[in-house]
N, C-alpha and C. Protein backbone atom coordinates (compact mmCIF):
# COMPACT_ATOMS: atom_id res chain seq x y z
N MET A 1 64.60 45.00 166.45
CA MET A 1 64.26 46.20 165.69
C MET A 1 62.82 46.06 165.22
N LYS A 2 62.01 47.07 165.52
CA LYS A 2 60.63 47.09 165.07
C LYS A 2 60.50 47.98 163.84
N VAL A 3 59.76 47.47 162.86
CA VAL A 3 59.51 48.21 161.63
C VAL A 3 58.02 48.47 161.54
N ASN A 4 57.64 49.72 161.35
CA ASN A 4 56.24 50.07 161.13
C ASN A 4 55.97 50.03 159.63
N LEU A 5 54.80 49.49 159.27
CA LEU A 5 54.39 49.44 157.89
C LEU A 5 53.01 50.08 157.78
N TYR A 6 52.97 51.22 157.11
CA TYR A 6 51.69 51.89 156.85
C TYR A 6 51.05 51.18 155.67
N THR A 7 49.80 50.73 155.85
CA THR A 7 49.15 49.86 154.89
C THR A 7 47.64 50.07 154.94
N THR A 8 46.94 49.37 154.07
CA THR A 8 45.48 49.31 154.13
C THR A 8 45.03 48.00 153.50
N SER A 9 43.83 47.58 153.85
CA SER A 9 43.34 46.30 153.33
C SER A 9 43.06 46.42 151.83
N GLY A 10 43.28 45.33 151.12
CA GLY A 10 43.05 45.31 149.69
C GLY A 10 44.16 45.91 148.86
N CYS A 11 45.26 46.26 149.47
CA CYS A 11 46.40 46.87 148.77
C CYS A 11 47.39 45.77 148.37
N HIS A 12 47.43 45.43 147.08
CA HIS A 12 48.32 44.34 146.65
C HIS A 12 49.79 44.68 146.82
N LEU A 13 50.15 45.96 146.69
CA LEU A 13 51.55 46.35 146.93
C LEU A 13 51.91 46.18 148.40
N CYS A 14 50.94 46.45 149.27
CA CYS A 14 51.17 46.26 150.71
C CYS A 14 51.42 44.79 151.02
N GLU A 15 50.69 43.91 150.35
CA GLU A 15 50.89 42.48 150.54
C GLU A 15 52.30 42.06 150.12
N LEU A 16 52.78 42.64 149.03
CA LEU A 16 54.16 42.36 148.59
C LEU A 16 55.17 42.85 149.63
N ALA A 17 54.92 44.03 150.18
CA ALA A 17 55.82 44.59 151.20
C ALA A 17 55.81 43.72 152.45
N ILE A 18 54.64 43.25 152.85
CA ILE A 18 54.55 42.38 154.04
C ILE A 18 55.34 41.10 153.82
N THR A 19 55.23 40.51 152.65
CA THR A 19 55.99 39.30 152.33
C THR A 19 57.49 39.56 152.42
N LEU A 20 57.93 40.66 151.86
CA LEU A 20 59.35 41.02 151.91
C LEU A 20 59.81 41.19 153.36
N LEU A 21 59.02 41.89 154.17
CA LEU A 21 59.39 42.12 155.57
C LEU A 21 59.35 40.83 156.38
N GLU A 22 58.37 39.97 156.11
CA GLU A 22 58.31 38.69 156.81
C GLU A 22 59.54 37.84 156.50
N ASP A 23 60.03 37.91 155.27
CA ASP A 23 61.28 37.20 154.93
C ASP A 23 62.43 37.74 155.76
N MET A 24 62.44 39.04 155.99
CA MET A 24 63.52 39.65 156.79
C MET A 24 63.39 39.26 158.26
N VAL A 25 62.16 39.07 158.75
CA VAL A 25 61.97 38.58 160.12
C VAL A 25 62.53 37.16 160.24
N ARG A 26 62.19 36.31 159.28
CA ARG A 26 62.70 34.93 159.30
C ARG A 26 64.22 34.88 159.23
N ALA A 27 64.81 35.84 158.54
CA ALA A 27 66.28 35.90 158.42
C ALA A 27 66.93 36.55 159.65
N GLY A 28 66.12 37.05 160.58
CA GLY A 28 66.65 37.66 161.80
C GLY A 28 67.12 39.08 161.63
N GLU A 29 66.77 39.70 160.50
CA GLU A 29 67.22 41.07 160.26
C GLU A 29 66.34 42.11 160.95
N ILE A 30 65.08 41.78 161.15
CA ILE A 30 64.18 42.63 161.94
C ILE A 30 63.44 41.73 162.91
N MET A 31 62.95 42.30 163.99
CA MET A 31 62.30 41.50 165.03
C MET A 31 60.78 41.53 164.93
N GLU A 32 60.24 42.65 164.49
CA GLU A 32 58.79 42.81 164.54
C GLU A 32 58.32 43.74 163.44
N ILE A 33 57.17 43.40 162.88
CA ILE A 33 56.51 44.27 161.90
C ILE A 33 55.21 44.75 162.55
N LYS A 34 55.05 46.04 162.64
CA LYS A 34 53.80 46.60 163.15
C LYS A 34 53.05 47.20 161.97
N GLU A 35 51.93 46.57 161.60
CA GLU A 35 51.12 47.08 160.51
C GLU A 35 50.20 48.18 161.04
N ILE A 36 50.24 49.32 160.40
CA ILE A 36 49.40 50.46 160.79
C ILE A 36 48.39 50.70 159.68
N GLU A 37 47.13 50.48 160.00
CA GLU A 37 46.03 50.63 159.05
C GLU A 37 45.70 52.11 158.91
N ILE A 38 45.93 52.66 157.71
CA ILE A 38 45.72 54.09 157.51
C ILE A 38 44.25 54.46 157.39
N ALA A 39 43.39 53.50 157.02
CA ALA A 39 41.97 53.79 156.80
C ALA A 39 41.26 54.23 158.07
N ASN A 40 41.87 54.00 159.23
CA ASN A 40 41.25 54.35 160.50
C ASN A 40 41.48 55.80 160.90
N SER A 41 42.21 56.55 160.09
CA SER A 41 42.55 57.93 160.46
C SER A 41 42.61 58.81 159.22
N GLU A 42 41.86 59.88 159.24
CA GLU A 42 41.89 60.83 158.12
C GLU A 42 43.28 61.44 157.95
N ILE A 43 43.95 61.67 159.05
CA ILE A 43 45.30 62.24 159.00
C ILE A 43 46.26 61.26 158.29
N LEU A 44 46.18 59.98 158.65
CA LEU A 44 47.04 58.98 158.00
C LEU A 44 46.69 58.80 156.54
N ILE A 45 45.39 58.88 156.20
CA ILE A 45 45.00 58.79 154.79
C ILE A 45 45.61 59.94 154.00
N GLN A 46 45.56 61.15 154.56
CA GLN A 46 46.14 62.31 153.87
C GLN A 46 47.65 62.17 153.71
N GLU A 47 48.30 61.65 154.74
CA GLU A 47 49.76 61.53 154.73
C GLU A 47 50.26 60.38 153.85
N TYR A 48 49.57 59.24 153.91
CA TYR A 48 50.09 58.02 153.28
C TYR A 48 49.22 57.45 152.16
N GLY A 49 48.05 58.00 151.94
CA GLY A 49 47.08 57.42 151.01
C GLY A 49 47.62 57.12 149.62
N THR A 50 48.46 57.99 149.09
CA THR A 50 49.01 57.76 147.74
C THR A 50 50.43 57.21 147.79
N ARG A 51 50.94 56.96 149.00
CA ARG A 51 52.33 56.52 149.14
C ARG A 51 52.47 55.07 149.59
N ILE A 52 51.41 54.47 150.11
CA ILE A 52 51.53 53.14 150.71
C ILE A 52 51.91 52.09 149.69
N PRO A 53 52.60 51.08 150.15
CA PRO A 53 53.06 50.85 151.50
C PRO A 53 54.29 51.71 151.83
N VAL A 54 54.36 52.10 153.09
CA VAL A 54 55.48 52.91 153.58
C VAL A 54 56.07 52.22 154.80
N VAL A 55 57.37 51.99 154.79
CA VAL A 55 58.09 51.45 155.94
C VAL A 55 58.65 52.62 156.73
N ALA A 56 58.49 52.55 158.04
CA ALA A 56 59.04 53.59 158.92
C ALA A 56 59.85 52.94 160.04
N ILE A 57 61.06 53.45 160.19
CA ILE A 57 61.91 53.05 161.31
C ILE A 57 62.32 54.35 161.98
N HIS A 58 61.88 54.47 163.23
CA HIS A 58 62.03 55.73 163.96
C HIS A 58 61.39 56.84 163.13
N GLU A 59 62.10 57.88 162.80
CA GLU A 59 61.49 58.99 162.05
C GLU A 59 61.76 58.92 160.55
N GLU A 60 62.44 57.89 160.09
CA GLU A 60 62.75 57.77 158.66
C GLU A 60 61.77 56.83 157.97
N GLU A 61 61.42 57.20 156.73
CA GLU A 61 60.44 56.42 155.97
C GLU A 61 60.98 56.07 154.58
N LEU A 62 60.54 54.90 154.11
CA LEU A 62 60.83 54.47 152.74
C LEU A 62 59.49 54.20 152.06
N ASP A 63 59.26 54.87 150.94
CA ASP A 63 58.04 54.65 150.17
C ASP A 63 58.25 53.49 149.20
N TRP A 64 57.17 52.84 148.86
CA TRP A 64 57.20 51.78 147.84
C TRP A 64 57.47 52.40 146.49
N PRO A 65 58.25 51.85 145.64
CA PRO A 65 58.92 50.57 145.83
C PRO A 65 60.24 50.74 146.56
N PHE A 66 60.37 50.12 147.71
CA PHE A 66 61.65 50.18 148.41
C PHE A 66 62.45 48.95 148.08
N GLU A 67 63.71 49.16 147.89
CA GLU A 67 64.64 48.09 147.53
C GLU A 67 65.18 47.45 148.80
N ILE A 68 65.44 46.18 148.75
CA ILE A 68 65.98 45.47 149.91
C ILE A 68 67.28 46.10 150.40
N PRO A 69 68.23 46.47 149.51
CA PRO A 69 69.47 47.10 150.01
C PRO A 69 69.19 48.41 150.77
N ALA A 70 68.24 49.21 150.32
CA ALA A 70 67.92 50.46 151.01
C ALA A 70 67.31 50.18 152.38
N LEU A 71 66.46 49.19 152.44
CA LEU A 71 65.84 48.81 153.71
C LEU A 71 66.89 48.27 154.68
N LYS A 72 67.78 47.42 154.18
CA LYS A 72 68.85 46.89 155.04
C LYS A 72 69.78 47.99 155.54
N LYS A 73 70.05 48.97 154.69
CA LYS A 73 70.91 50.09 155.08
C LYS A 73 70.26 50.89 156.21
N LEU A 74 68.95 51.13 156.09
CA LEU A 74 68.24 51.87 157.13
C LEU A 74 68.21 51.09 158.44
N ILE A 75 67.96 49.80 158.36
CA ILE A 75 67.96 48.95 159.56
C ILE A 75 69.34 48.96 160.21
N LYS A 76 70.38 48.81 159.41
CA LYS A 76 71.75 48.80 159.94
C LYS A 76 72.08 50.12 160.62
N LYS A 77 71.63 51.22 160.03
CA LYS A 77 71.88 52.54 160.62
C LYS A 77 71.34 52.62 162.04
N TYR A 78 70.13 52.14 162.25
CA TYR A 78 69.52 52.22 163.57
C TYR A 78 70.05 51.17 164.52
N LYS A 79 70.51 50.04 164.01
CA LYS A 79 71.16 49.05 164.88
C LYS A 79 72.47 49.61 165.40
N ILE A 80 73.22 50.31 164.53
CA ILE A 80 74.48 50.91 164.94
C ILE A 80 74.23 52.01 165.97
N GLN A 81 73.25 52.87 165.71
CA GLN A 81 72.94 53.95 166.65
C GLN A 81 72.51 53.41 168.00
N LYS A 82 71.74 52.32 168.01
CA LYS A 82 71.27 51.72 169.25
C LYS A 82 72.43 51.17 170.06
N SER A 83 73.47 50.69 169.38
CA SER A 83 74.60 50.09 170.09
C SER A 83 75.60 51.13 170.61
N ILE A 84 75.46 52.37 170.19
CA ILE A 84 76.37 53.43 170.64
C ILE A 84 75.83 54.04 171.93
N LYS A 85 76.70 54.26 172.89
CA LYS A 85 76.29 54.88 174.15
C LYS A 85 75.87 56.33 173.88
N PRO A 86 74.91 56.84 174.67
CA PRO A 86 74.44 58.22 174.44
C PRO A 86 75.57 59.25 174.39
N ALA A 87 76.59 59.11 175.21
CA ALA A 87 77.69 60.08 175.21
C ALA A 87 78.50 60.02 173.91
N ASP A 88 78.51 58.86 173.28
CA ASP A 88 79.27 58.69 172.03
C ASP A 88 78.55 59.21 170.80
N LYS A 89 77.22 59.39 170.87
CA LYS A 89 76.45 59.79 169.70
C LYS A 89 76.90 61.14 169.15
N ASP A 90 77.33 62.04 170.02
CA ASP A 90 77.80 63.36 169.58
C ASP A 90 79.05 63.23 168.71
N LEU A 91 79.80 62.17 168.88
CA LEU A 91 81.05 62.00 168.14
C LEU A 91 80.83 61.56 166.70
N ILE A 92 79.63 61.04 166.37
CA ILE A 92 79.42 60.52 165.02
C ILE A 92 78.60 61.45 164.14
N LYS A 93 78.31 62.62 164.58
CA LYS A 93 77.52 63.56 163.77
C LYS A 93 78.32 64.13 162.65
């Protein structure tokens, strides 16, 4: 499972979020953290500038402060969806 983290340099809250996510990588709960630097895009600055750090998994996002249980719930949701065959997805709506 890949987790995107919207961040910027010099953001102490982002550093806390990275530490939390790295702990989850070591625990095997997520496979990869992709840090997305918002300062490189005016669009990302407008979208995330006052919200960072923001974790995104697929189209769902969690703004800081995100709680570990909420993050684990979101990860579990997408692990379950990934394990369901495409024909079965219609049955769980």
